[in-house]
Each structure stands twice: as C-alpha cells, then as structure tokens.
Amino acid sequence: MRDACKLLHDTTLALARAEQQGIRVDTQYCHQEKERLTEKIMSLEEELETTKFVQHWRHVYGAKFNLHSGWQLSRFLYNVKKLHPPKFTSSGKMGATDDETLLQLNIPEVNSLLQIRKLMKVRDTYLDAFLREQVNGILRPMFNLNTVRTYRSSSSNPNFQNIPKRDKESMQICRRALIPRTGHQFVEFDYAGAEVRTAVCYHQDPTMIEYINDPKSDMHGDMAKELFCLQYLNRELPSHNILRNAAKNGFVFPEFYGDYYFNCAVNLACRWGGLPSDVWSKSQGISMPRGTLGNHLISCGIKSLGEFTEHVRAVEEDFWARRFPIYRQWKENWWKQYQRRGYFDMLTGFRCSGVMTKNEVLNSPIQGAAAHCLFWTFTEVDKIMQTEGWKSRLVGQIHDAMLMDVFPGELEHVVSTVKRIGCEELPKVWPWIIVPLDMDVSFADVDASWEKVHTYSTPKSEDLDELIP
C-alpha cells in the first residue's frame, strides 16, 4: 500500500504540471461551429415537423408536444405505435429510449431525432464547455485521483476524458477545436489492449496468453467467424472489417465485462449488422461480398433475431467453456473471495472495499491496474521531460492514453523514450506483468488540430530530415 500511495502522490504532481501547461483551444472555430450546428439542428427539426410520424406524435400530445421528451417518445413508440421495445428502462415499466435502443428500431424519423440529439450534445456539452473554461485561449482540464473508487482518474472543467471518440463525426468536431502550441504537434500514446493484457495478469488463462503472445493470431477475427458463420475473414473487405469490430465491441468486450448473450445478439445483429429485430429477408443488413448479411445468415439457417440470439447463446457457452475456462474459473473464485472478505487487493497494491456488484468486483481490479500502468508511465516520462529540459510537454491523460504537445525536433526522441518507459521499463518494476506491453502512437502534423492524428511509424534514418522543419 505504501507503493500505491506513492504512485498516487507522484501522479497527482505530474497531472498538476499537465494542468498548468494547458491546451490551446481555437475559440473562433468553436463559435463558428456552434452557429453551424444550430443551423443544422434547426434544419433537421423543420424536416421532422413535416413527417407523418411527428405530425401523429403532435396530434397525440397537442400543446404538450415536446420533440425532445424521452417519456413522450417512449409512450408514442410503444403505447401508441405498438412497437415492441428492444429494451426496457431499469424500472421495467417503460420501453427504453436511449440511443442504442432507438437505433435498433431503425425508423428514419427516429434516426433523424438521434442525429439532432448528438449535434445538440456536441454543441451544448463540449463546445460550450471549451468556451466556458478557456482563459486567454488555454484550457486547463482538472485531472482528479480522489473521486473514482477503482483508483482510476477522472476529469472535470471540462471533462477531458469524455470527449467523444466512438462516434466519428462528434470526435472530429470536438478534437478540431484543440490545437498545439505554435510550431508544435500533438502526439497521442495509447496502451494497446491495456485492460485485456491486465486481465491476463490476474486470471492467467493460457488461451488468452497465447493470443497475446502470437502477433499472427486474431481473437476478434476468430469470434467474428464463429458469430457470423464466416468461412474466412478478410479485413480488407469493408463488411468483414465491420463484423470483426462488431465481434470485438459487441461480444468479446461485453462478455469480459459481464454482459450476456441476449444483449450481445441484439447489438450484433441490429446495431452492427443493420438487421431488424424480427424476421429477416435476403435484402436486409449490411452489404457483403455476395449479397447482404441477411442473405448470408439465412443461407446458414438463421432467419430471425430470435434464431440468431440462440446461436449467440451457443457461442457464448463455447467461449467460456472451451476457449477461456481458466478465466471463467478466476471470475468465480475472485467473486467468492470478495464475498468472504468484503474487499479485494489489486496487483498494484490498492485495496477496494464496500458494497459492490459482481460486475464491479470483477472489472474494478482490471480497470484500476490498467490505469495505474499509465500513471506510472506518465510520471516517469514527466520526470525525464523535466530532467532533460524538453520543449515538449504532457498535456492530457485519458484512462489508458496520454496526450503530448511535442516540439518537432524532439519527436523521435519523445516517441522512443515513452515506448521504452511504458513497454520495457514498466514490466521490470512490476514483475506481475506476464505478457508483453505495446503502445499505439498517433500524431498530427505541425500546427494541426487533434482531429488530424494519424498512425506514427518509426522513421528510417534517411527520413528524419523530413520530420524537422
């Protein structure tokens, strides 16, 4: 626990220096983009008002009609239109109207409403926060280590860790507002598969270790083939790439974090595959090399969401019984140990106690320890940065990633130093790390916004002159 306390102390100081450095924000862009988004939102709302769907909705509620009322939308969809809710609210009394649930309905007017919701959030939550919190064009987000019970970090004023990433349009709009110091460039370091690698250090499942140690293996590709009945997987095909991402984010990670086959099946088929939540036809779903996903699955004997759900149930059983039985046994042992003791200790020395759900007990030690790997790397890079007098600066931290504002002449040295610290030195300090660590590095060109990052590859010696203006 002494080492854990020291890590928090050192990380607090390093994050404070990142806060002090700050990040430039393009205020002119933020104002212009807010105006553009407002016009687009108004245009979408006007188009919606002319549809029979919204006119019927307005007729039902009269003067109380509210296009942005989730309660009204739920009652209208599930009580008036008699649609079957893909999911219910936590109380179980109403059909859910969260974005994921509404996407499964695949109704054009509802999709337009979701687009309006998204644009309003970008405008009112993110761009507004950038303008509100900036001082003389500089944002200084706060990074906190005292608010999350898993000993991860949080961020506020504004929440730098909540800037959109999954939705490409939202991410581009928000990241476009953040720019480096004049003559500098952004470089982002992200631990690859941080939580999967950390989980292995707890459960030590040999199949998972084999996947991580073999760069030619592809767990997500294997699961995509099993889930979608593919004989082969070619990531150069757009449809196969979609289905691999579906397996990764719609099945593998949800299963690791405690979700179950029913939710996964709906997500895989409707959100990723573009199929309806009932019986399928051959013309439905995303395009495949030969026809559509609906056509492909029907030819495999899966003709509806119900049949696909049963198929995913069988895949889930195989996933835990054959592929990762040691991981499954660890989860049961870890949960029982917590029930006996009322607490658990992380590999990094932190102790979590109190009333927690089973998913919290299973996920917290993994998420926490993965974040601590980033903390240790962040503090060590901060020390070297000060000792060597870099012009480059650490400016942000997002769970398993960190953002730097880099002087171009230091780019190669900064990248090699961070990767050495994070991937080579860290396992020497923490021997419990039993699998290799890796970092994805992306960077933007000089004076370009954070939106413009692309993959960094180690330059050849003859290319170095091109990196230095």
Protein backbone atom coordinates (compact mmCIF):
# COMPACT_ATOMS: atom_id res chain seq x y z
CA MET A 1 0.00 0.00 0.00
CA ARG A 2 2.96 2.31 0.56
CA ASP A 3 3.93 1.92 -3.10
CA ALA A 4 0.33 2.54 -4.11
CA CYS A 5 0.20 5.72 -2.05
CA LYS A 6 3.46 6.94 -3.59
CA LEU A 7 2.12 6.27 -7.09
CA LEU A 8 -0.95 8.41 -6.38
CA HIS A 9 1.21 11.17 -4.91
CA ASP A 10 3.64 11.23 -7.84
CA THR A 11 0.83 11.05 -10.40
CA THR A 12 -1.00 13.94 -8.72
CA LEU A 13 2.06 16.15 -9.12
CA ALA A 14 2.63 15.09 -12.74
CA LEU A 15 -1.01 15.70 -13.65
CA ALA A 16 -0.86 19.10 -11.91
CA ARG A 17 2.01 20.07 -14.20
CA ALA A 18 -0.04 18.93 -17.21
CA GLU A 19 -2.93 21.09 -15.98
CA GLN A 20 -0.60 24.04 -15.58
CA GLN A 21 0.67 23.60 -19.15
CA GLY A 22 -2.85 23.52 -20.61
CA ILE A 23 -4.08 23.00 -24.15
CA ARG A 24 -4.80 25.67 -26.73
CA VAL A 25 -8.38 25.93 -27.91
CA ASP A 26 -9.49 27.55 -31.16
CA THR A 27 -12.23 29.81 -29.80
CA GLN A 28 -13.08 31.27 -33.20
CA TYR A 29 -13.72 27.79 -34.56
CA CYS A 30 -15.88 26.92 -31.52
CA HIS A 31 -18.13 29.96 -32.07
CA GLN A 32 -18.42 29.30 -35.81
CA GLU A 33 -19.09 25.60 -35.31
CA LYS A 34 -21.80 26.32 -32.72
CA GLU A 35 -23.56 28.52 -35.26
CA ARG A 36 -23.24 25.86 -37.96
CA LEU A 37 -24.59 23.15 -35.65
CA THR A 38 -27.51 25.36 -34.61
CA GLU A 39 -28.48 25.88 -38.26
CA LYS A 40 -28.18 22.16 -38.97
CA ILE A 41 -30.27 21.24 -35.91
CA MET A 42 -32.98 23.72 -36.92
CA SER A 43 -33.00 22.33 -40.46
CA LEU A 44 -33.35 18.74 -39.21
CA GLU A 45 -36.15 19.75 -36.83
CA GLU A 46 -38.03 21.51 -39.65
CA GLU A 47 -37.73 18.41 -41.83
CA LEU A 48 -39.02 16.23 -38.99
CA GLU A 49 -42.01 18.50 -38.44
CA THR A 50 -43.24 17.73 -41.96
CA THR A 51 -43.23 13.93 -41.47
CA LYS A 52 -46.38 11.94 -40.73
CA PHE A 53 -44.54 10.34 -37.80
CA VAL A 54 -44.06 13.65 -35.94
CA GLN A 55 -47.44 15.02 -37.00
CA HIS A 56 -49.07 11.96 -35.44
CA TRP A 57 -46.95 12.44 -32.31
CA ARG A 58 -48.01 16.11 -32.12
CA HIS A 59 -51.65 15.14 -32.59
CA VAL A 60 -51.44 12.73 -29.62
CA TYR A 61 -49.95 15.27 -27.19
CA GLY A 62 -51.31 18.53 -28.56
CA ALA A 63 -49.95 21.62 -26.79
CA LYS A 64 -47.76 19.44 -24.55
CA PHE A 65 -45.88 18.01 -27.54
CA ASN A 66 -42.11 18.01 -26.94
CA LEU A 67 -39.80 16.63 -29.63
CA HIS A 68 -37.04 16.13 -27.05
CA SER A 69 -39.09 14.38 -24.36
CA GLY A 70 -37.88 10.83 -23.82
CA TRP A 71 -41.03 10.00 -21.85
CA GLN A 72 -43.31 11.15 -24.68
CA LEU A 73 -41.24 9.30 -27.25
CA SER A 74 -41.42 6.08 -25.25
CA ARG A 75 -45.19 6.31 -24.84
CA PHE A 76 -45.66 7.20 -28.51
CA LEU A 77 -43.46 4.39 -29.86
CA TYR A 78 -44.51 1.58 -27.57
CA ASN A 79 -48.06 2.50 -26.49
CA VAL A 80 -49.41 4.38 -29.50
CA LYS A 81 -47.44 2.80 -32.35
CA LYS A 82 -47.47 -0.59 -30.55
CA LEU A 83 -43.81 -1.31 -31.30
CA HIS A 84 -42.08 -3.96 -29.22
CA PRO A 85 -39.38 -2.34 -27.02
CA PRO A 86 -35.93 -3.84 -27.69
CA LYS A 87 -35.12 -2.95 -24.09
CA PHE A 88 -36.94 -1.60 -21.02
CA THR A 89 -35.88 1.05 -18.51
CA SER A 90 -34.37 -0.06 -15.20
CA SER A 91 -37.84 0.05 -13.58
CA GLY A 92 -39.17 -2.30 -16.24
CA LYS A 93 -42.29 -0.16 -16.68
CA MET A 94 -41.39 1.70 -19.90
CA GLY A 95 -39.63 0.95 -23.15
CA ALA A 96 -36.15 2.47 -23.22
CA THR A 97 -35.31 5.44 -25.45
CA ASP A 98 -31.54 5.55 -25.10
CA ASP A 99 -29.57 5.90 -28.34
CA GLU A 100 -28.58 2.24 -28.58
CA THR A 101 -32.18 1.04 -28.16
CA LEU A 102 -33.61 3.54 -30.65
CA LEU A 103 -31.00 2.60 -33.26
CA GLN A 104 -32.29 -0.97 -33.15
CA LEU A 105 -35.75 0.23 -34.20
CA ASN A 106 -34.22 1.65 -37.40
CA ILE A 107 -37.04 4.18 -38.00
CA PRO A 108 -35.92 7.05 -40.32
CA GLU A 109 -37.60 9.76 -38.23
CA VAL A 110 -36.15 8.37 -35.00
CA ASN A 111 -32.71 8.20 -36.62
CA SER A 112 -33.05 11.89 -37.50
CA LEU A 113 -34.00 12.61 -33.90
CA LEU A 114 -30.88 10.77 -32.74
CA GLN A 115 -28.78 12.90 -35.09
CA ILE A 116 -30.32 16.03 -33.54
CA ARG A 117 -29.58 14.70 -30.05
CA LYS A 118 -25.97 14.08 -30.98
CA LEU A 119 -25.41 17.51 -32.50
CA MET A 120 -27.06 19.24 -29.55
CA LYS A 121 -24.77 17.37 -27.15
CA VAL A 122 -21.67 18.32 -29.14
CA ARG A 123 -22.75 21.96 -29.19
CA ASP A 124 -24.10 22.34 -25.65
CA THR A 125 -21.88 19.93 -23.71
CA TYR A 126 -18.50 20.02 -25.40
CA LEU A 127 -18.05 23.21 -27.43
CA ASP A 128 -19.81 25.27 -24.75
CA ALA A 129 -17.51 23.77 -22.11
CA PHE A 130 -14.42 24.61 -24.16
CA LEU A 131 -15.51 28.24 -24.45
CA ARG A 132 -16.63 28.49 -20.82
CA GLU A 133 -13.49 27.00 -19.31
CA GLN A 134 -10.82 28.57 -21.52
CA VAL A 135 -8.82 31.56 -20.30
CA ASN A 136 -6.96 33.53 -22.96
CA GLY A 137 -7.38 30.63 -25.36
CA ILE A 138 -5.98 28.00 -22.98
CA LEU A 139 -7.91 25.07 -21.47
CA ARG A 140 -6.65 23.60 -18.22
CA PRO A 141 -8.76 20.48 -17.54
CA MET A 142 -8.60 19.16 -14.00
CA PHE A 143 -7.45 15.56 -13.50
CA ASN A 144 -8.63 14.01 -10.25
CA LEU A 145 -7.41 10.93 -8.40
CA ASN A 146 -9.78 11.12 -5.44
CA THR A 147 -13.20 10.57 -7.00
CA VAL A 148 -13.20 7.07 -8.54
CA ARG A 149 -13.45 4.07 -6.22
CA THR A 150 -11.36 1.91 -8.59
CA TYR A 151 -8.43 4.36 -8.21
CA ARG A 152 -8.64 5.42 -11.82
CA SER A 153 -8.57 9.11 -12.68
CA SER A 154 -11.42 11.42 -13.58
CA SER A 155 -11.51 14.82 -15.25
CA SER A 156 -13.56 17.99 -14.93
CA ASN A 157 -13.79 21.63 -16.00
CA PRO A 158 -14.06 20.43 -18.76
CA ASN A 159 -14.14 16.63 -18.70
CA PHE A 160 -11.19 15.93 -20.99
CA GLN A 161 -11.72 12.17 -20.69
CA ASN A 162 -15.27 12.37 -22.02
CA ILE A 163 -14.51 13.97 -25.38
CA PRO A 164 -16.27 11.72 -27.96
CA LYS A 165 -14.21 9.00 -29.59
CA ARG A 166 -16.58 6.26 -30.76
CA ASP A 167 -18.74 8.49 -32.95
CA LYS A 168 -16.51 9.75 -35.74
CA GLU A 169 -18.44 12.95 -36.51
CA SER A 170 -18.62 14.03 -32.87
CA MET A 171 -14.95 13.21 -32.34
CA GLN A 172 -13.87 15.25 -35.36
CA ILE A 173 -15.92 18.30 -34.38
CA CYS A 174 -14.62 18.34 -30.80
CA ARG A 175 -10.98 17.47 -31.48
CA ARG A 176 -10.82 20.06 -34.26
CA ALA A 177 -11.16 22.71 -31.53
CA LEU A 178 -7.96 21.67 -29.73
CA ILE A 179 -4.64 22.79 -31.22
CA PRO A 180 -0.97 22.57 -30.13
CA ARG A 181 1.32 25.45 -29.34
CA THR A 182 2.54 27.29 -32.42
CA GLY A 183 5.14 25.24 -34.26
CA HIS A 184 4.35 22.09 -32.24
CA GLN A 185 2.33 18.94 -32.89
CA PHE A 186 0.10 16.60 -30.91
CA VAL A 187 1.27 13.04 -30.21
CA GLU A 188 -1.02 10.50 -28.53
CA PHE A 189 0.21 7.34 -26.80
CA ASP A 190 -2.37 4.64 -26.15
CA TYR A 191 -1.67 1.31 -24.41
CA ALA A 192 -2.88 -1.32 -26.88
CA GLY A 193 -5.41 -3.70 -25.31
CA ALA A 194 -4.49 -2.42 -21.85
CA GLU A 195 -7.37 -4.00 -19.95
CA VAL A 196 -7.19 -7.33 -21.78
CA ARG A 197 -3.46 -7.59 -21.02
CA THR A 198 -4.04 -6.56 -17.41
CA ALA A 199 -6.83 -9.12 -17.03
CA VAL A 200 -4.43 -11.86 -18.16
CA CYS A 201 -2.11 -10.94 -15.29
CA TYR A 202 -4.95 -11.83 -12.90
CA HIS A 203 -6.53 -14.94 -14.40
CA GLN A 204 -3.53 -16.26 -16.41
CA ASP A 205 -5.72 -18.14 -18.88
CA PRO A 206 -3.30 -19.94 -21.25
CA THR A 207 -5.52 -19.43 -24.31
CA MET A 208 -5.58 -15.67 -23.73
CA ILE A 209 -1.83 -15.61 -23.15
CA GLU A 210 -1.35 -17.47 -26.43
CA TYR A 211 -3.49 -14.93 -28.28
CA ILE A 212 -1.48 -12.02 -26.86
CA ASN A 213 1.93 -13.61 -27.44
CA ASP A 214 1.18 -14.61 -31.03
CA PRO A 215 1.03 -11.47 -33.23
CA LYS A 216 -0.47 -13.52 -36.07
CA SER A 217 -3.47 -14.60 -34.01
CA ASP A 218 -6.72 -12.62 -34.02
CA MET A 219 -9.18 -13.31 -31.22
CA HIS A 220 -11.73 -10.82 -32.55
CA GLY A 221 -11.46 -12.24 -36.06
CA ASP A 222 -11.96 -15.77 -34.75
CA MET A 223 -15.07 -14.69 -32.86
CA ALA A 224 -16.42 -12.83 -35.90
CA LYS A 225 -16.16 -16.01 -37.96
CA GLU A 226 -17.96 -18.00 -35.28
CA LEU A 227 -20.66 -15.41 -34.60
CA PHE A 228 -21.46 -14.63 -38.25
CA CYS A 229 -20.77 -18.10 -39.72
CA LEU A 230 -17.90 -16.92 -41.92
CA GLN A 231 -15.59 -19.44 -43.57
CA TYR A 232 -12.81 -16.85 -43.73
CA LEU A 233 -12.20 -13.26 -42.64
CA ASN A 234 -10.50 -10.68 -44.86
CA ARG A 235 -10.03 -7.36 -43.03
CA GLU A 236 -9.53 -5.56 -46.34
CA LEU A 237 -13.20 -6.14 -47.10
CA PRO A 238 -15.30 -3.35 -45.52
CA SER A 239 -18.07 -5.75 -44.47
CA HIS A 240 -15.63 -8.18 -42.82
CA ASN A 241 -13.96 -5.28 -41.01
CA ILE A 242 -17.37 -4.18 -39.69
CA LEU A 243 -18.17 -7.70 -38.49
CA ARG A 244 -14.79 -8.02 -36.79
CA ASN A 245 -15.37 -4.73 -34.96
CA ALA A 246 -18.85 -6.00 -34.10
CA ALA A 247 -17.36 -9.14 -32.56
CA LYS A 248 -14.79 -7.07 -30.66
CA ASN A 249 -17.07 -4.34 -29.30
CA GLY A 250 -20.40 -6.15 -29.41
CA PHE A 251 -19.40 -9.51 -27.99
CA VAL A 252 -15.83 -10.05 -26.71
CA PHE A 253 -15.53 -6.94 -24.55
CA PRO A 254 -19.15 -7.07 -23.29
CA GLU A 255 -18.60 -10.71 -22.30
CA PHE A 256 -15.41 -9.80 -20.47
CA TYR A 257 -17.24 -7.02 -18.62
CA GLY A 258 -20.19 -9.14 -17.54
CA ASP A 259 -22.82 -8.75 -20.27
CA TYR A 260 -24.66 -11.80 -21.60
CA TYR A 261 -25.68 -13.32 -24.91
CA PHE A 262 -29.14 -11.72 -25.29
CA ASN A 263 -27.89 -8.12 -25.23
CA CYS A 264 -24.92 -9.10 -27.38
CA ALA A 265 -27.13 -10.72 -30.02
CA VAL A 266 -29.35 -7.66 -30.39
CA ASN A 267 -26.31 -5.40 -30.63
CA LEU A 268 -24.53 -7.59 -33.15
CA ALA A 269 -27.49 -8.10 -35.47
CA CYS A 270 -29.28 -4.75 -35.28
CA ARG A 271 -26.69 -2.12 -34.45
CA TRP A 272 -23.71 -3.56 -36.31
CA GLY A 273 -25.35 -5.78 -38.88
CA GLY A 274 -28.18 -3.43 -39.86
CA LEU A 275 -30.84 -6.12 -39.46
CA PRO A 276 -34.35 -5.62 -37.99
CA SER A 277 -35.41 -7.05 -34.63
CA ASP A 278 -37.81 -9.63 -36.08
CA VAL A 279 -37.83 -11.98 -39.11
CA TRP A 280 -35.18 -11.25 -41.75
CA SER A 281 -35.27 -11.12 -45.53
CA LYS A 282 -32.45 -11.67 -48.02
CA SER A 283 -32.26 -7.97 -48.93
CA GLN A 284 -31.60 -6.74 -45.37
CA GLY A 285 -28.42 -5.95 -43.48
CA ILE A 286 -25.02 -4.57 -44.41
CA SER A 287 -23.58 -5.37 -47.83
CA MET A 288 -21.45 -8.48 -48.08
CA PRO A 289 -19.14 -9.71 -50.89
CA ARG A 290 -22.12 -11.73 -52.11
CA GLY A 291 -25.43 -10.08 -51.29
CA THR A 292 -26.27 -8.90 -47.78
CA LEU A 293 -25.73 -10.09 -44.22
CA GLY A 294 -29.38 -11.14 -44.09
CA ASN A 295 -28.92 -13.27 -47.21
CA HIS A 296 -25.75 -14.82 -45.77
CA LEU A 297 -27.25 -15.70 -42.39
CA ILE A 298 -30.45 -17.06 -43.94
CA SER A 299 -28.33 -19.35 -46.13
CA CYS A 300 -26.71 -20.57 -42.88
CA GLY A 301 -30.14 -21.40 -41.41
CA ILE A 302 -30.50 -18.28 -39.21
CA LYS A 303 -33.66 -16.46 -40.32
CA SER A 304 -34.57 -14.11 -37.46
CA LEU A 305 -33.23 -12.27 -34.43
CA GLY A 306 -34.66 -15.00 -32.21
CA GLU A 307 -32.71 -17.72 -34.03
CA PHE A 308 -29.57 -15.55 -34.07
CA THR A 309 -29.93 -14.99 -30.31
CA GLU A 310 -30.00 -18.75 -29.76
CA HIS A 311 -26.90 -19.05 -31.95
CA VAL A 312 -25.09 -16.40 -29.89
CA ARG A 313 -26.08 -18.24 -26.71
CA ALA A 314 -24.29 -21.34 -28.01
CA VAL A 315 -21.25 -19.24 -28.99
CA GLU A 316 -21.18 -17.72 -25.50
CA GLU A 317 -21.19 -21.16 -23.88
CA ASP A 318 -18.33 -22.28 -26.11
CA PHE A 319 -16.49 -19.00 -25.42
CA TRP A 320 -16.29 -19.65 -21.67
CA ALA A 321 -16.32 -23.46 -21.59
CA ARG A 322 -13.78 -24.20 -24.33
CA ARG A 323 -11.84 -21.03 -25.12
CA PHE A 324 -11.40 -19.39 -21.72
CA PRO A 325 -12.32 -21.83 -18.92
CA ILE A 326 -9.48 -20.64 -16.65
CA TYR A 327 -10.68 -17.05 -16.99
CA ARG A 328 -14.21 -18.13 -16.07
CA GLN A 329 -12.96 -20.03 -13.02
CA TRP A 330 -10.94 -17.00 -11.89
CA LYS A 331 -14.07 -14.85 -12.02
CA GLU A 332 -15.96 -17.25 -9.77
CA ASN A 333 -13.05 -17.57 -7.32
CA TRP A 334 -12.48 -13.80 -7.21
CA TRP A 335 -16.16 -13.14 -6.52
CA LYS A 336 -16.31 -15.74 -3.73
CA GLN A 337 -13.16 -14.33 -2.15
CA TYR A 338 -14.68 -10.85 -2.11
CA GLN A 339 -17.87 -12.21 -0.53
CA ARG A 340 -15.83 -13.78 2.28
CA ARG A 341 -13.56 -10.80 2.92
CA GLY A 342 -15.56 -7.76 1.88
CA TYR A 343 -12.60 -6.37 -0.06
CA PHE A 344 -10.02 -7.24 -2.71
CA ASP A 345 -6.47 -6.09 -3.41
CA MET A 346 -5.24 -5.05 -6.83
CA LEU A 347 -1.93 -6.19 -8.27
CA THR A 348 -0.75 -2.60 -7.90
CA GLY A 349 -1.27 -2.54 -4.12
CA PHE A 350 -4.62 -0.73 -3.94
CA ARG A 351 -7.48 -2.11 -1.85
CA CYS A 352 -11.17 -1.79 -2.75
CA SER A 353 -13.84 -2.46 -0.15
CA GLY A 354 -17.51 -1.81 0.49
CA VAL A 355 -20.71 -2.94 -1.18
CA MET A 356 -20.15 -3.73 -4.87
CA THR A 357 -21.98 -5.66 -7.56
CA LYS A 358 -20.42 -8.76 -9.06
CA ASN A 359 -19.51 -6.90 -12.25
CA GLU A 360 -17.83 -4.15 -10.21
CA VAL A 361 -15.84 -6.71 -8.25
CA LEU A 362 -14.68 -8.44 -11.44
CA ASN A 363 -13.96 -5.34 -13.52
CA SER A 364 -12.55 -2.88 -10.97
CA PRO A 365 -9.20 -4.60 -10.33
CA ILE A 366 -8.59 -4.86 -14.07
CA GLN A 367 -9.58 -1.30 -14.95
CA GLY A 368 -7.74 0.08 -11.95
CA ALA A 369 -4.46 -1.75 -12.56
CA ALA A 370 -4.55 -0.86 -16.28
CA ALA A 371 -4.91 2.82 -15.36
CA HIS A 372 -2.02 2.51 -12.90
CA CYS A 373 0.24 1.28 -15.70
CA LEU A 374 -0.50 4.54 -17.48
CA PHE A 375 0.03 6.51 -14.24
CA TRP A 376 3.49 5.02 -13.73
CA THR A 377 4.49 5.72 -17.33
CA PHE A 378 3.09 9.25 -17.14
CA THR A 379 5.08 10.12 -14.01
CA GLU A 380 8.32 8.62 -15.33
CA VAL A 381 8.02 10.49 -18.62
CA ASP A 382 7.26 13.66 -16.65
CA LYS A 383 10.49 13.22 -14.66
CA ILE A 384 12.61 12.66 -17.77
CA MET A 385 10.92 15.60 -19.50
CA GLN A 386 11.97 17.90 -16.66
CA THR A 387 15.45 16.44 -16.23
CA GLU A 388 16.33 16.66 -19.92
CA GLY A 389 14.64 20.02 -20.40
CA TRP A 390 12.29 19.04 -23.20
CA LYS A 391 10.38 21.68 -25.11
CA SER A 392 7.67 19.05 -25.43
CA ARG A 393 5.01 18.79 -22.71
CA LEU A 394 2.50 16.32 -21.32
CA VAL A 395 -0.93 17.96 -21.58
CA GLY A 396 -3.62 15.30 -21.05
CA GLN A 397 -4.49 11.82 -19.79
CA ILE A 398 -7.42 9.63 -20.85
CA HIS A 399 -7.56 6.35 -18.91
CA ASP A 400 -5.11 4.18 -20.94
CA ALA A 401 -3.71 7.02 -23.07
CA MET A 402 -1.79 10.26 -22.73
CA LEU A 403 -1.52 13.30 -24.98
CA MET A 404 1.64 15.33 -25.55
CA ASP A 405 2.31 18.70 -27.17
CA VAL A 406 5.60 17.93 -28.92
CA PHE A 407 8.35 20.07 -30.43
CA PRO A 408 9.01 18.51 -33.88
CA GLY A 409 12.75 18.36 -33.34
CA GLU A 410 12.16 16.09 -30.33
CA LEU A 411 9.56 13.84 -31.94
CA GLU A 412 11.66 10.73 -32.48
CA HIS A 413 13.31 11.00 -29.05
CA VAL A 414 9.97 11.54 -27.30
CA VAL A 415 8.36 8.54 -29.02
CA SER A 416 11.27 6.19 -28.36
CA THR A 417 11.51 7.33 -24.72
CA VAL A 418 7.81 6.91 -23.98
CA LYS A 419 7.68 3.46 -25.60
CA ARG A 420 10.81 2.36 -23.74
CA ILE A 421 9.42 3.53 -20.40
CA GLY A 422 5.91 2.19 -20.98
CA CYS A 423 6.71 -1.12 -22.65
CA GLU A 424 10.18 -2.12 -21.39
CA GLU A 425 10.85 -0.45 -18.04
CA LEU A 426 7.38 -0.89 -16.51
CA PRO A 427 7.42 -4.74 -16.56
CA LYS A 428 10.77 -4.65 -14.77
CA VAL A 429 9.24 -2.61 -11.94
CA TRP A 430 6.07 -4.71 -11.77
CA PRO A 431 7.02 -8.39 -12.35
CA TRP A 432 3.36 -9.41 -12.17
CA ILE A 433 3.08 -8.16 -15.78
CA ILE A 434 3.44 -11.53 -17.53
CA VAL A 435 2.60 -10.52 -21.12
CA PRO A 436 4.31 -8.01 -23.43
CA LEU A 437 3.00 -4.44 -23.44
CA ASP A 438 2.54 -2.36 -26.55
CA MET A 439 1.61 1.23 -27.36
CA ASP A 440 -0.23 2.65 -30.35
CA VAL A 441 1.27 6.01 -31.29
CA SER A 442 -0.54 8.59 -33.41
CA PHE A 443 0.46 12.13 -34.24
CA ALA A 444 -0.79 15.22 -36.04
CA ASP A 445 1.24 17.39 -38.35
CA VAL A 446 2.83 20.59 -37.06
CA ASP A 447 0.15 23.17 -36.08
CA ALA A 448 -2.65 20.72 -36.96
CA SER A 449 -5.56 20.08 -34.60
CA TRP A 450 -6.04 16.92 -32.54
CA GLU A 451 -8.57 15.77 -35.13
CA LYS A 452 -5.83 15.27 -37.72
CA VAL A 453 -3.86 12.49 -35.98
CA HIS A 454 -2.59 9.55 -37.97
CA THR A 455 -0.54 6.47 -37.17
CA TYR A 456 3.10 7.02 -36.32
CA SER A 457 5.70 4.62 -37.66
CA THR A 458 9.36 4.73 -36.62
CA PRO A 459 11.18 6.71 -39.33
CA LYS A 460 14.18 5.45 -41.23
CA SER A 461 17.36 7.48 -40.84
CA GLU A 462 17.01 8.98 -44.32
CA ASP A 463 13.52 10.21 -43.44
CA LEU A 464 14.50 12.12 -40.30
CA ASP A 465 15.21 15.37 -42.12
CA GLU A 466 11.58 15.49 -43.23
CA LEU A 467 10.38 15.46 -39.60
CA ILE A 468 12.38 18.53 -38.62
CA PRO A 469 11.31 21.85 -40.23
